[in-house]
Amino acid sequence: MTEADYPADAAQLVGPISRATDLLDERQWDEEQRRSAEGDALADSQRLSLEEQLRRKESVIERRMQTARANGRGALRLFEGQKRRAQERHREALRLLDDKRSTELRMEHIAVCYLEVAR
């Protein structure tokens, strides 16, 4: 019989199991870093988009306010309210963007199975 024919005792498995666990932990850490970088890039892109949307909305409202002033209309408070609401929605969208960012990757070690096949 060769060495492979004899069952390994538990003490012999500690080293290989430890190495396998270390490799899994390293792969998990690498994957977390990759996902974190992707998440950061996506969040930055979404944040820029939200900033641009707010800038466009405020620009439209400012033009309406200028037109109202030029025509002597008294709707300025209405436009100021619209501008304030747009800013509030923008802040809420940024808050939601920050809240939903999670790139945590969890790994649970369930079991190691040692199987002995008898012939």
PDB file of N, CA and C in Angstrom:
ATOM      1  N   MET A   1       0.839  -1.186   0.000  1.00  0.00           N
ATOM      2  CA  MET A   1       0.000   0.000   0.000  1.00  0.00           C
ATOM      3  C   MET A   1       0.881   1.244   0.000  1.00  0.00           C
ATOM      4  N   THR A   2       0.407   2.241  -0.702  1.00  0.00           N
ATOM      5  CA  THR A   2       1.140   3.511  -0.724  1.00  0.00           C
ATOM      6  C   THR A   2       0.606   4.424   0.364  1.00  0.00           C
ATOM      7  N   GLU A   3       1.306   5.553   0.547  1.00  0.00           N
ATOM      8  CA  GLU A   3       0.880   6.512   1.578  1.00  0.00           C
ATOM      9  C   GLU A   3      -0.527   7.039   1.300  1.00  0.00           C
ATOM     10  N   ALA A   4      -0.862   7.167   0.013  1.00  0.00           N
ATOM     11  CA  ALA A   4      -2.190   7.665  -0.348  1.00  0.00           C
ATOM     12  C   ALA A   4      -3.285   6.681   0.035  1.00  0.00           C
ATOM     13  N   ASP A   5      -2.924   5.415   0.218  1.00  0.00           N
ATOM     14  CA  ASP A   5      -3.920   4.411   0.574  1.00  0.00           C
ATOM     15  C   ASP A   5      -4.315   4.464   2.044  1.00  0.00           C
ATOM     16  N   TYR A   6      -3.499   5.106   2.859  1.00  0.00           N
ATOM     17  CA  TYR A   6      -3.793   5.175   4.294  1.00  0.00           C
ATOM     18  C   TYR A   6      -4.568   6.455   4.600  1.00  0.00           C
ATOM     19  N   PRO A   7      -5.543   6.344   5.465  1.00  0.00           N
ATOM     20  CA  PRO A   7      -6.295   7.558   5.805  1.00  0.00           C
ATOM     21  C   PRO A   7      -5.411   8.562   6.541  1.00  0.00           C
ATOM     22  N   ALA A   8      -5.613   9.833   6.222  1.00  0.00           N
ATOM     23  CA  ALA A   8      -4.874  10.901   6.907  1.00  0.00           C
ATOM     24  C   ALA A   8      -5.505  11.118   8.268  1.00  0.00           C
ATOM     25  N   ASP A   9      -4.674  11.403   9.228  1.00  0.00           N
ATOM     26  CA  ASP A   9      -5.289  11.725  10.509  1.00  0.00           C
ATOM     27  C   ASP A   9      -5.533  13.237  10.547  1.00  0.00           C
ATOM     28  N   ALA A  10      -6.358  13.658  11.465  1.00  0.00           N
ATOM     29  CA  ALA A  10      -6.794  15.058  11.530  1.00  0.00           C
ATOM     30  C   ALA A  10      -5.620  16.017  11.648  1.00  0.00           C
ATOM     31  N   ALA A  11      -4.572  15.642  12.342  1.00  0.00           N
ATOM     32  CA  ALA A  11      -3.414  16.525  12.519  1.00  0.00           C
ATOM     33  C   ALA A  11      -2.741  16.827  11.184  1.00  0.00           C
ATOM     34  N   GLN A  12      -2.783  15.865  10.262  1.00  0.00           N
ATOM     35  CA  GLN A  12      -2.178  16.081   8.948  1.00  0.00           C
ATOM     36  C   GLN A  12      -2.994  17.054   8.101  1.00  0.00           C
ATOM     37  N   LEU A  13      -4.243  17.223   8.428  1.00  0.00           N
ATOM     38  CA  LEU A  13      -5.113  18.094   7.636  1.00  0.00           C
ATOM     39  C   LEU A  13      -5.067  19.552   8.078  1.00  0.00           C
ATOM     40  N   VAL A  14      -4.546  19.818   9.261  1.00  0.00           N
ATOM     41  CA  VAL A  14      -4.534  21.186   9.784  1.00  0.00           C
ATOM     42  C   VAL A  14      -3.789  22.131   8.847  1.00  0.00           C
ATOM     43  N   GLY A  15      -2.606  21.742   8.403  1.00  0.00           N
ATOM     44  CA  GLY A  15      -1.809  22.601   7.517  1.00  0.00           C
ATOM     45  C   GLY A  15      -2.510  22.896   6.196  1.00  0.00           C
ATOM     46  N   PRO A  16      -2.936  21.856   5.456  1.00  0.00           N
ATOM     47  CA  PRO A  16      -3.624  22.115   4.183  1.00  0.00           C
ATOM     48  C   PRO A  16      -4.919  22.921   4.351  1.00  0.00           C
ATOM     49  N   ILE A  17      -5.655  22.636   5.405  1.00  0.00           N
ATOM     50  CA  ILE A  17      -6.894  23.388   5.636  1.00  0.00           C
ATOM     51  C   ILE A  17      -6.569  24.843   5.941  1.00  0.00           C
ATOM     52  N   SER A  18      -5.543  25.076   6.727  1.00  0.00           N
ATOM     53  CA  SER A  18      -5.128  26.440   7.058  1.00  0.00           C
ATOM     54  C   SER A  18      -4.688  27.191   5.802  1.00  0.00           C
ATOM     55  N   ARG A  19      -3.920  26.538   4.939  1.00  0.00           N
ATOM     56  CA  ARG A  19      -3.480  27.174   3.687  1.00  0.00           C
ATOM     57  C   ARG A  19      -4.677  27.477   2.796  1.00  0.00           C
ATOM     58  N   ALA A  20      -5.608  26.537   2.693  1.00  0.00           N
ATOM     59  CA  ALA A  20      -6.803  26.757   1.870  1.00  0.00           C
ATOM     60  C   ALA A  20      -7.622  27.923   2.412  1.00  0.00           C
ATOM     61  N   THR A  21      -7.755  27.998   3.724  1.00  0.00           N
ATOM     62  CA  THR A  21      -8.498  29.100   4.343  1.00  0.00           C
ATOM     63  C   THR A  21      -7.802  30.430   4.084  1.00  0.00           C
ATOM     64  N   ASP A  22      -6.473  30.444   4.202  1.00  0.00           N
ATOM     65  CA  ASP A  22      -5.717  31.673   3.929  1.00  0.00           C
ATOM     66  C   ASP A  22      -5.907  32.124   2.482  1.00  0.00           C
ATOM     67  N   LEU A  23      -5.875  31.165   1.552  1.00  0.00           N
ATOM     68  CA  LEU A  23      -6.091  31.504   0.143  1.00  0.00           C
ATOM     69  C   LEU A  23      -7.491  32.058  -0.091  1.00  0.00           C
ATOM     70  N   LEU A  24      -8.482  31.448   0.538  1.00  0.00           N
ATOM     71  CA  LEU A  24      -9.852  31.951   0.406  1.00  0.00           C
ATOM     72  C   LEU A  24      -9.979  33.361   0.975  1.00  0.00           C
ATOM     73  N   ASP A  25      -9.357  33.599   2.127  1.00  0.00           N
ATOM     74  CA  ASP A  25      -9.391  34.937   2.725  1.00  0.00           C
ATOM     75  C   ASP A  25      -8.722  35.964   1.816  1.00  0.00           C
ATOM     76  N   GLU A  26      -7.606  35.573   1.212  1.00  0.00           N
ATOM     77  CA  GLU A  26      -6.900  36.475   0.301  1.00  0.00           C
ATOM     78  C   GLU A  26      -7.754  36.786  -0.927  1.00  0.00           C
ATOM     79  N   ARG A  27      -8.386  35.764  -1.477  1.00  0.00           N
ATOM     80  CA  ARG A  27      -9.262  35.978  -2.639  1.00  0.00           C
ATOM     81  C   ARG A  27     -10.445  36.861  -2.271  1.00  0.00           C
ATOM     82  N   GLN A  28     -10.988  36.657  -1.072  1.00  0.00           N
ATOM     83  CA  GLN A  28     -12.104  37.484  -0.618  1.00  0.00           C
ATOM     84  C   GLN A  28     -11.662  38.938  -0.501  1.00  0.00           C
ATOM     85  N   TRP A  29     -10.494  39.177   0.083  1.00  0.00           N
ATOM     86  CA  TRP A  29      -9.991  40.539   0.246  1.00  0.00           C
ATOM     87  C   TRP A  29      -9.779  41.195  -1.114  1.00  0.00           C
ATOM     88  N   ASP A  30      -9.176  40.466  -2.065  1.00  0.00           N
ATOM     89  CA  ASP A  30      -8.968  40.991  -3.416  1.00  0.00           C
ATOM     90  C   ASP A  30     -10.297  41.356  -4.069  1.00  0.00           C
ATOM     91  N   GLU A  31     -11.286  40.483  -3.919  1.00  0.00           N
ATOM     92  CA  GLU A  31     -12.604  40.735  -4.512  1.00  0.00           C
ATOM     93  C   GLU A  31     -13.270  41.939  -3.856  1.00  0.00           C
ATOM     94  N   GLU A  32     -13.143  42.069  -2.541  1.00  0.00           N
ATOM     95  CA  GLU A  32     -13.703  43.238  -1.851  1.00  0.00           C
ATOM     96  C   GLU A  32     -13.071  44.523  -2.366  1.00  0.00           C
ATOM     97  N   GLN A  33     -11.756  44.504  -2.582  1.00  0.00           N
ATOM     98  CA  GLN A  33     -11.064  45.695  -3.088  1.00  0.00           C
ATOM     99  C   GLN A  33     -11.545  46.035  -4.495  1.00  0.00           C
ATOM    100  N   ARG A  34     -11.698  45.024  -5.330  1.00  0.00           N
ATOM    101  CA  ARG A  34     -12.166  45.248  -6.701  1.00  0.00           C
ATOM    102  C   ARG A  34     -13.576  45.828  -6.697  1.00  0.00           C
ATOM    103  N   ARG A  35     -14.455  45.228  -5.897  1.00  0.00           N
ATOM    104  CA  ARG A  35     -15.836  45.714  -5.831  1.00  0.00           C
ATOM    105  C   ARG A  35     -15.912  47.112  -5.233  1.00  0.00           C
ATOM    106  N   SER A  36     -15.072  47.382  -4.265  1.00  0.00           N
ATOM    107  CA  SER A  36     -15.049  48.702  -3.648  1.00  0.00           C
ATOM    108  C   SER A  36     -14.638  49.759  -4.670  1.00  0.00           C
ATOM    109  N   ALA A  37     -13.612  49.458  -5.461  1.00  0.00           N
ATOM    110  CA  ALA A  37     -13.164  50.396  -6.493  1.00  0.00           C
ATOM    111  C   ALA A  37     -14.257  50.616  -7.534  1.00  0.00           C
ATOM    112  N   GLU A  38     -14.926  49.548  -7.944  1.00  0.00           N
ATOM    113  CA  GLU A  38     -16.030  49.682  -8.898  1.00  0.00           C
ATOM    114  C   GLU A  38     -17.172  50.495  -8.295  1.00  0.00           C
ATOM    115  N   GLY A  39     -17.482  50.228  -7.027  1.00  0.00           N
ATOM    116  CA  GLY A  39     -18.548  50.964  -6.349  1.00  0.00           C
ATOM    117  C   GLY A  39     -18.225  52.441  -6.227  1.00  0.00           C
ATOM    118  N   ASP A  40     -16.965  52.753  -5.924  1.00  0.00           N
ATOM    119  CA  ASP A  40     -16.549  54.157  -5.831  1.00  0.00           C
ATOM    120  C   ASP A  40     -16.697  54.860  -7.174  1.00  0.00           C
ATOM    121  N   ALA A  41     -16.265  54.189  -8.237  1.00  0.00           N
ATOM    122  CA  ALA A  41     -16.363  54.778  -9.572  1.00  0.00           C
ATOM    123  C   ALA A  41     -17.823  54.999  -9.965  1.00  0.00           C
ATOM    124  N   LEU A  42     -18.673  54.030  -9.680  1.00  0.00           N
ATOM    125  CA  LEU A  42     -20.092  54.165 -10.000  1.00  0.00           C
ATOM    126  C   LEU A  42     -20.731  55.289  -9.191  1.00  0.00           C
ATOM    127  N   ALA A  43     -20.426  55.354  -7.902  1.00  0.00           N
ATOM    128  CA  ALA A  43     -20.987  56.406  -7.044  1.00  0.00           C
ATOM    129  C   ALA A  43     -20.526  57.782  -7.509  1.00  0.00           C
ATOM    130  N   ASP A  44     -19.258  57.903  -7.894  1.00  0.00           N
ATOM    131  CA  ASP A  44     -18.757  59.187  -8.393  1.00  0.00           C
ATOM    132  C   ASP A  44     -19.494  59.601  -9.658  1.00  0.00           C
ATOM    133  N   SER A  45     -19.721  58.646 -10.537  1.00  0.00           N
ATOM    134  CA  SER A  45     -20.451  58.923 -11.778  1.00  0.00           C
ATOM    135  C   SER A  45     -21.889  59.361 -11.481  1.00  0.00           C
ATOM    136  N   GLN A  46     -22.549  58.652 -10.574  1.00  0.00           N
ATOM    137  CA  GLN A  46     -23.924  59.008 -10.217  1.00  0.00           C
ATOM    138  C   GLN A  46     -23.979  60.365  -9.524  1.00  0.00           C
ATOM    139  N   ARG A  47     -22.999  60.641  -8.682  1.00  0.00           N
ATOM    140  CA  ARG A  47     -22.946  61.930  -7.982  1.00  0.00           C
ATOM    141  C   ARG A  47     -22.788  63.074  -8.993  1.00  0.00           C
ATOM    142  N   LEU A  48     -21.903  62.893  -9.983  1.00  0.00           N
ATOM    143  CA  LEU A  48     -21.731  63.908 -11.028  1.00  0.00           C
ATOM    144  C   LEU A  48     -23.025  64.125 -11.799  1.00  0.00           C
ATOM    145  N   SER A  49     -23.712  63.035 -12.092  1.00  0.00           N
ATOM    146  CA  SER A  49     -24.984  63.131 -12.805  1.00  0.00           C
ATOM    147  C   SER A  49     -26.014  63.905 -11.986  1.00  0.00           C
ATOM    148  N   LEU A  50     -26.083  63.626 -10.688  1.00  0.00           N
ATOM    149  CA  LEU A  50     -27.022  64.344  -9.820  1.00  0.00           C
ATOM    150  C   LEU A  50     -26.672  65.828  -9.737  1.00  0.00           C
ATOM    151  N   GLU A  51     -25.385  66.147  -9.673  1.00  0.00           N
ATOM    152  CA  GLU A  51     -24.959  67.551  -9.627  1.00  0.00           C
ATOM    153  C   GLU A  51     -25.351  68.270 -10.914  1.00  0.00           C
ATOM    154  N   GLU A  52     -25.161  67.597 -12.040  1.00  0.00           N
ATOM    155  CA  GLU A  52     -25.522  68.195 -13.332  1.00  0.00           C
ATOM    156  C   GLU A  52     -27.038  68.395 -13.433  1.00  0.00           C
ATOM    157  N   GLN A  53     -27.812  67.441 -12.961  1.00  0.00           N
ATOM    158  CA  GLN A  53     -29.269  67.591 -12.972  1.00  0.00           C
ATOM    159  C   GLN A  53     -29.696  68.795 -12.147  1.00  0.00           C
ATOM    160  N   LEU A  54     -29.116  68.949 -10.968  1.00  0.00           N
ATOM    161  CA  LEU A  54     -29.461  70.088 -10.117  1.00  0.00           C
ATOM    162  C   LEU A  54     -29.078  71.393 -10.800  1.00  0.00           C
ATOM    163  N   ARG A  55     -27.891  71.431 -11.384  1.00  0.00           N
ATOM    164  CA  ARG A  55     -27.449  72.647 -12.066  1.00  0.00           C
ATOM    165  C   ARG A  55     -28.420  73.033 -13.187  1.00  0.00           C
ATOM    166  N   ARG A  56     -28.870  72.050 -13.972  1.00  0.00           N
ATOM    167  CA  ARG A  56     -29.819  72.337 -15.056  1.00  0.00           C
ATOM    168  C   ARG A  56     -31.153  72.827 -14.500  1.00  0.00           C
ATOM    169  N   LYS A  57     -31.663  72.177 -13.449  1.00  0.00           N
ATOM    170  CA  LYS A  57     -32.941  72.592 -12.856  1.00  0.00           C
ATOM    171  C   LYS A  57     -32.853  74.015 -12.326  1.00  0.00           C
ATOM    172  N   GLU A  58     -31.756  74.305 -11.619  1.00  0.00           N
ATOM    173  CA  GLU A  58     -31.596  75.652 -11.070  1.00  0.00           C
ATOM    174  C   GLU A  58     -31.476  76.685 -12.180  1.00  0.00           C
ATOM    175  N   SER A  59     -30.816  76.325 -13.254  1.00  0.00           N
ATOM    176  CA  SER A  59     -30.669  77.234 -14.391  1.00  0.00           C
ATOM    177  C   SER A  59     -32.027  77.554 -15.016  1.00  0.00           C
ATOM    178  N   VAL A  60     -32.854  76.537 -15.184  1.00  0.00           N
ATOM    179  CA  VAL A  60     -34.199  76.746 -15.744  1.00  0.00           C
ATOM    180  C   VAL A  60     -35.019  77.643 -14.821  1.00  0.00           C
ATOM    181  N   ILE A  61     -34.964  77.377 -13.534  1.00  0.00           N
ATOM    182  CA  ILE A  61     -35.735  78.173 -12.565  1.00  0.00           C
ATOM    183  C   ILE A  61     -35.227  79.612 -12.545  1.00  0.00           C
ATOM    184  N   GLU A  62     -33.905  79.809 -12.621  1.00  0.00           N
ATOM    185  CA  GLU A  62     -33.341  81.170 -12.654  1.00  0.00           C
ATOM    186  C   GLU A  62     -33.828  81.931 -13.882  1.00  0.00           C
ATOM    187  N   ARG A  63     -33.870  81.271 -15.029  1.00  0.00           N
ATOM    188  CA  ARG A  63     -34.375  81.938 -16.248  1.00  0.00           C
ATOM    189  C   ARG A  63     -35.836  82.332 -16.076  1.00  0.00           C
ATOM    190  N   ARG A  64     -36.614  81.461 -15.468  1.00  0.00           N
ATOM    191  CA  ARG A  64     -38.022  81.785 -15.222  1.00  0.00           C
ATOM    192  C   ARG A  64     -38.144  82.972 -14.273  1.00  0.00           C
ATOM    193  N   MET A  65     -37.277  83.016 -13.264  1.00  0.00           N
ATOM    194  CA  MET A  65     -37.306  84.137 -12.322  1.00  0.00           C
ATOM    195  C   MET A  65     -36.932  85.443 -13.026  1.00  0.00           C
ATOM    196  N   GLN A  66     -35.936  85.396 -13.896  1.00  0.00           N
ATOM    197  CA  GLN A  66     -35.542  86.592 -14.642  1.00  0.00           C
ATOM    198  C   GLN A  66     -36.669  87.071 -15.546  1.00  0.00           C
ATOM    199  N   THR A  67     -37.334  86.120 -16.188  1.00  0.00           N
ATOM    200  CA  THR A  67     -38.464  86.476 -17.053  1.00  0.00           C
ATOM    201  C   THR A  67     -39.584  87.090 -16.229  1.00  0.00           C
ATOM    202  N   ALA A  68     -39.866  86.522 -15.072  1.00  0.00           N
ATOM    203  CA  ALA A  68     -40.923  87.055 -14.203  1.00  0.00           C
ATOM    204  C   ALA A  68     -40.567  88.462 -13.739  1.00  0.00           C
ATOM    205  N   ARG A  69     -39.311  88.697 -13.390  1.00  0.00           N
ATOM    206  CA  ARG A  69     -38.879  90.043 -12.977  1.00  0.00           C
ATOM    207  C   ARG A  69     -39.020  91.028 -14.125  1.00  0.00           C
ATOM    208  N   ALA A  70     -38.603  90.609 -15.309  1.00  0.00           N
ATOM    209  CA  ALA A  70     -38.661  91.492 -16.477  1.00  0.00           C
ATOM    210  C   ALA A  70     -40.098  91.840 -16.840  1.00  0.00           C
ATOM    211  N   ASN A  71     -41.007  90.911 -16.637  1.00  0.00           N
ATOM    212  CA  ASN A  71     -42.417  91.142 -16.977  1.00  0.00           C
ATOM    213  C   ASN A  71     -43.196  91.723 -15.812  1.00  0.00           C
ATOM    214  N   GLY A  72     -42.536  91.917 -14.686  1.00  0.00           N
ATOM    215  CA  GLY A  72     -43.202  92.513 -13.534  1.00  0.00           C
ATOM    216  C   GLY A  72     -44.183  91.587 -12.841  1.00  0.00           C
ATOM    217  N   ARG A  73     -43.998  90.291 -12.995  1.00  0.00           N
ATOM    218  CA  ARG A  73     -44.895  89.341 -12.345  1.00  0.00           C
ATOM    219  C   ARG A  73     -44.415  89.073 -10.923  1.00  0.00           C
ATOM    220  N   GLY A  74     -45.331  88.771 -10.067  1.00  0.00           N
ATOM    221  CA  GLY A  74     -44.993  88.535  -8.667  1.00  0.00           C
ATOM    222  C   GLY A  74     -44.895  87.071  -8.299  1.00  0.00           C
ATOM    223  N   ALA A  75     -44.434  86.233  -9.205  1.00  0.00           N
ATOM    224  CA  ALA A  75     -44.364  84.791  -8.946  1.00  0.00           C
ATOM    225  C   ALA A  75     -42.997  84.357  -8.434  1.00  0.00           C
ATOM    226  N   LEU A  76     -42.210  85.291  -7.950  1.00  0.00           N
ATOM    227  CA  LEU A  76     -40.849  84.953  -7.526  1.00  0.00           C
ATOM    228  C   LEU A  76     -40.833  83.952  -6.374  1.00  0.00           C
ATOM    229  N   ARG A  77     -41.764  84.092  -5.438  1.00  0.00           N
ATOM    230  CA  ARG A  77     -41.790  83.157  -4.309  1.00  0.00           C
ATOM    231  C   ARG A  77     -42.066  81.733  -4.784  1.00  0.00           C
ATOM    232  N   LEU A  78     -42.896  81.606  -5.789  1.00  0.00           N
ATOM    233  CA  LEU A  78     -43.176  80.289  -6.370  1.00  0.00           C
ATOM    234  C   LEU A  78     -41.885  79.669  -6.907  1.00  0.00           C
ATOM    235  N   PHE A  79     -41.125  80.456  -7.657  1.00  0.00           N
ATOM    236  CA  PHE A  79     -39.884  79.951  -8.240  1.00  0.00           C
ATOM    237  C   PHE A  79     -38.832  79.672  -7.167  1.00  0.00           C
ATOM    238  N   GLU A  80     -38.788  80.499  -6.147  1.00  0.00           N
ATOM    239  CA  GLU A  80     -37.854  80.257  -5.042  1.00  0.00           C
ATOM    240  C   GLU A  80     -38.197  78.946  -4.327  1.00  0.00           C
ATOM    241  N   GLY A  81     -39.489  78.679  -4.183  1.00  0.00           N
ATOM    242  CA  GLY A  81     -39.931  77.412  -3.591  1.00  0.00           C
ATOM    243  C   GLY A  81     -39.536  76.225  -4.456  1.00  0.00           C
ATOM    244  N   GLN A  82     -39.674  76.383  -5.771  1.00  0.00           N
ATOM    245  CA  GLN A  82     -39.271  75.311  -6.686  1.00  0.00           C
ATOM    246  C   GLN A  82     -37.770  75.037  -6.577  1.00  0.00           C
ATOM    247  N   LYS A  83     -37.013  76.115  -6.486  1.00  0.00           N
ATOM    248  CA  LYS A  83     -35.561  75.977  -6.374  1.00  0.00           C
ATOM    249  C   LYS A  83     -35.187  75.280  -5.061  1.00  0.00           C
ATOM    250  N   ARG A  84     -35.831  75.675  -3.987  1.00  0.00           N
ATOM    251  CA  ARG A  84     -35.570  75.076  -2.680  1.00  0.00           C
ATOM    252  C   ARG A  84     -35.933  73.581  -2.684  1.00  0.00           C
ATOM    253  N   ARG A  85     -37.080  73.242  -3.287  1.00  0.00           N
ATOM    254  CA  ARG A  85     -37.489  71.834  -3.360  1.00  0.00           C
ATOM    255  C   ARG A  85     -36.516  71.013  -4.216  1.00  0.00           C
ATOM    256  N   ALA A  86     -36.043  71.605  -5.305  1.00  0.00           N
ATOM    257  CA  ALA A  86     -35.067  70.909  -6.153  1.00  0.00           C
ATOM    258  C   ALA A  86     -33.789  70.621  -5.361  1.00  0.00           C
ATOM    259  N   GLN A  87     -33.363  71.578  -4.549  1.00  0.00           N
ATOM    260  CA  GLN A  87     -32.164  71.380  -3.725  1.00  0.00           C
ATOM    261  C   GLN A  87     -32.404  70.312  -2.655  1.00  0.00           C
ATOM    262  N   GLU A  88     -33.601  70.307  -2.076  1.00  0.00           N
ATOM    263  CA  GLU A  88     -33.930  69.289  -1.066  1.00  0.00           C
ATOM    264  C   GLU A  88     -33.950  67.891  -1.685  1.00  0.00           C
ATOM    265  N   ARG A  89     -34.553  67.773  -2.875  1.00  0.00           N
ATOM    266  CA  ARG A  89     -34.577  66.478  -3.569  1.00  0.00           C
ATOM    267  C   ARG A  89     -33.157  66.026  -3.916  1.00  0.00           C
ATOM    268  N   HIS A  90     -32.334  66.994  -4.292  1.00  0.00           N
ATOM    269  CA  HIS A  90     -30.940  66.688  -4.617  1.00  0.00           C
ATOM    270  C   HIS A  90     -30.206  66.151  -3.383  1.00  0.00           C
ATOM    271  N   ARG A  91     -30.363  66.816  -2.254  1.00  0.00           N
ATOM    272  CA  ARG A  91     -29.721  66.353  -1.017  1.00  0.00           C
ATOM    273  C   ARG A  91     -30.213  64.954  -0.638  1.00  0.00           C
ATOM    274  N   GLU A  92     -31.506  64.716  -0.806  1.00  0.00           N
ATOM    275  CA  GLU A  92     -32.072  63.399  -0.490  1.00  0.00           C
ATOM    276  C   GLU A  92     -31.507  62.326  -1.433  1.00  0.00           C
ATOM    277  N   ALA A  93     -31.385  62.657  -2.718  1.00  0.00           N
ATOM    278  CA  ALA A  93     -30.822  61.703  -3.678  1.00  0.00           C
ATOM    279  C   ALA A  93     -29.370  61.376  -3.328  1.00  0.00           C
ATOM    280  N   LEU A  94     -28.600  62.381  -2.905  1.00  0.00           N
ATOM    281  CA  LEU A  94     -27.215  62.139  -2.492  1.00  0.00           C
ATOM    282  C   LEU A  94     -27.164  61.271  -1.237  1.00  0.00           C
ATOM    283  N   ARG A  95     -28.069  61.525  -0.305  1.00  0.00           N
ATOM    284  CA  ARG A  95     -28.116  60.730   0.919  1.00  0.00           C
ATOM    285  C   ARG A  95     -28.430  59.270   0.593  1.00  0.00           C
ATOM    286  N   LEU A  96     -29.415  59.054  -0.288  1.00  0.00           N
ATOM    287  CA  LEU A  96     -29.771  57.688  -0.686  1.00  0.00           C
ATOM    288  C   LEU A  96     -28.607  57.000  -1.399  1.00  0.00           C
ATOM    289  N   LEU A  97     -27.902  57.754  -2.218  1.00  0.00           N
ATOM    290  CA  LEU A  97     -26.743  57.206  -2.919  1.00  0.00           C
ATOM    291  C   LEU A  97     -25.685  56.742  -1.917  1.00  0.00           C
ATOM    292  N   ASP A  98     -25.430  57.556  -0.913  1.00  0.00           N
ATOM    293  CA  ASP A  98     -24.444  57.185   0.109  1.00  0.00           C
ATOM    294  C   ASP A  98     -24.928  56.012   0.959  1.00  0.00           C
ATOM    295  N   ASP A  99     -26.230  55.972   1.250  1.00  0.00           N
ATOM    296  CA  ASP A  99     -26.778  54.897   2.088  1.00  0.00           C
ATOM    297  C   ASP A  99     -26.734  53.538   1.400  1.00  0.00           C
ATOM    298  N   LYS A 100     -26.935  53.521   0.102  1.00  0.00           N
ATOM    299  CA  LYS A 100     -27.019  52.229  -0.586  1.00  0.00           C
ATOM    300  C   LYS A 100     -25.657  51.659  -0.955  1.00  0.00           C
ATOM    301  N   ARG A 101     -24.594  52.424  -0.756  1.00  0.00           N
ATOM    302  CA  ARG A 101     -23.256  51.928  -1.079  1.00  0.00           C
ATOM    303  C   ARG A 101     -22.799  50.905  -0.052  1.00  0.00           C
ATOM    304  N   SER A 102     -22.686  49.696  -0.506  1.00  0.00           N
ATOM    305  CA  SER A 102     -22.157  48.643   0.356  1.00  0.00           C
ATOM    306  C   SER A 102     -21.472  47.623  -0.532  1.00  0.00           C
ATOM    307  N   THR A 103     -20.201  47.447  -0.319  1.00  0.00           N
ATOM    308  CA  THR A 103     -19.463  46.475  -1.130  1.00  0.00           C
ATOM    309  C   THR A 103     -18.912  45.359  -0.253  1.00  0.00           C
ATOM    310  N   GLU A 104     -19.510  45.199   0.901  1.00  0.00           N
ATOM    311  CA  GLU A 104     -19.015  44.184   1.820  1.00  0.00           C
ATOM    312  C   GLU A 104     -19.314  42.796   1.272  1.00  0.00           C
ATOM    313  N   LEU A 105     -18.322  41.978   1.308  1.00  0.00           N
ATOM    314  CA  LEU A 105     -18.445  40.600   0.846  1.00  0.00           C
ATOM    315  C   LEU A 105     -18.171  39.706   2.039  1.00  0.00           C
ATOM    316  N   ARG A 106     -19.115  38.858   2.361  1.00  0.00           N
ATOM    317  CA  ARG A 106     -18.948  37.977   3.518  1.00  0.00           C
ATOM    318  C   ARG A 106     -18.790  36.538   3.064  1.00  0.00           C
ATOM    319  N   MET A 107     -17.933  35.856   3.749  1.00  0.00           N
ATOM    320  CA  MET A 107     -17.728  34.453   3.452  1.00  0.00           C
ATOM    321  C   MET A 107     -17.845  33.695   4.765  1.00  0.00           C
ATOM    322  N   GLU A 108     -18.646  32.670   4.747  1.00  0.00           N
ATOM    323  CA  GLU A 108     -18.807  31.852   5.942  1.00  0.00           C
ATOM    324  C   GLU A 108     -18.213  30.480   5.671  1.00  0.00           C
ATOM    325  N   HIS A 109     -17.361  30.061   6.574  1.00  0.00           N
ATOM    326  CA  HIS A 109     -16.790  28.723   6.464  1.00  0.00           C
ATOM    327  C   HIS A 109     -17.798  27.757   7.086  1.00  0.00           C
ATOM    328  N   ILE A 110     -18.284  26.861   6.283  1.00  0.00           N
ATOM    329  CA  ILE A 110     -19.315  25.959   6.778  1.00  0.00           C
ATOM    330  C   ILE A 110     -18.709  24.676   7.339  1.00  0.00           C
ATOM    331  N   ALA A 111     -17.916  23.993   6.538  1.00  0.00           N
ATOM    332  CA  ALA A 111     -17.365  22.723   7.018  1.00  0.00           C
ATOM    333  C   ALA A 111     -16.246  22.263   6.106  1.00  0.00           C
ATOM    334  N   VAL A 112     -15.440  21.406   6.633  1.00  0.00           N
ATOM    335  CA  VAL A 112     -14.445  20.696   5.842  1.00  0.00           C
ATOM    336  C   VAL A 112     -14.814  19.230   5.948  1.00  0.00           C
ATOM    337  N   CYS A 113     -14.878  18.599   4.825  1.00  0.00           N
ATOM    338  CA  CYS A 113     -15.282  17.199   4.810  1.00  0.00           C
ATOM    339  C   CYS A 113     -14.072  16.319   4.505  1.00  0.00           C
ATOM    340  N   TYR A 114     -13.866  15.344   5.320  1.00  0.00           N
ATOM    341  CA  TYR A 114     -12.808  14.360   5.105  1.00  0.00           C
ATOM    342  C   TYR A 114     -13.513  13.050   4.802  1.00  0.00           C
ATOM    343  N   LEU A 115     -13.226  12.498   3.653  1.00  0.00           N
ATOM    344  CA  LEU A 115     -13.915  11.298   3.212  1.00  0.00           C
ATOM    345  C   LEU A 115     -12.907  10.164   3.041  1.00  0.00           C
ATOM    346  N   GLU A 116     -13.217   9.060   3.636  1.00  0.00           N
ATOM    347  CA  GLU A 116     -12.368   7.880   3.495  1.00  0.00           C
ATOM    348  C   GLU A 116     -13.170   6.832   2.736  1.00  0.00           C
ATOM    349  N   VAL A 117     -12.611   6.389   1.640  1.00  0.00           N
ATOM    350  CA  VAL A 117     -13.282   5.376   0.833  1.00  0.00           C
ATOM    351  C   VAL A 117     -12.580   4.042   1.065  1.00  0.00           C
ATOM    352  N   ALA A 118     -13.333   3.066   1.505  1.00  0.00           N
ATOM    353  CA  ALA A 118     -12.764   1.732   1.749  1.00  0.00           C
ATOM    354  C   ALA A 118     -13.063   0.850   0.552  1.00  0.00           C
ATOM    355  N   ARG A 119     -12.074   0.074   0.166  1.00  0.00           N
ATOM    356  CA  ARG A 119     -12.271  -0.824  -0.986  1.00  0.00           C
ATOM    357  C   ARG A 119     -12.409  -2.243  -0.529  1.00  0.00           C
TER     358      ARG A 119
END
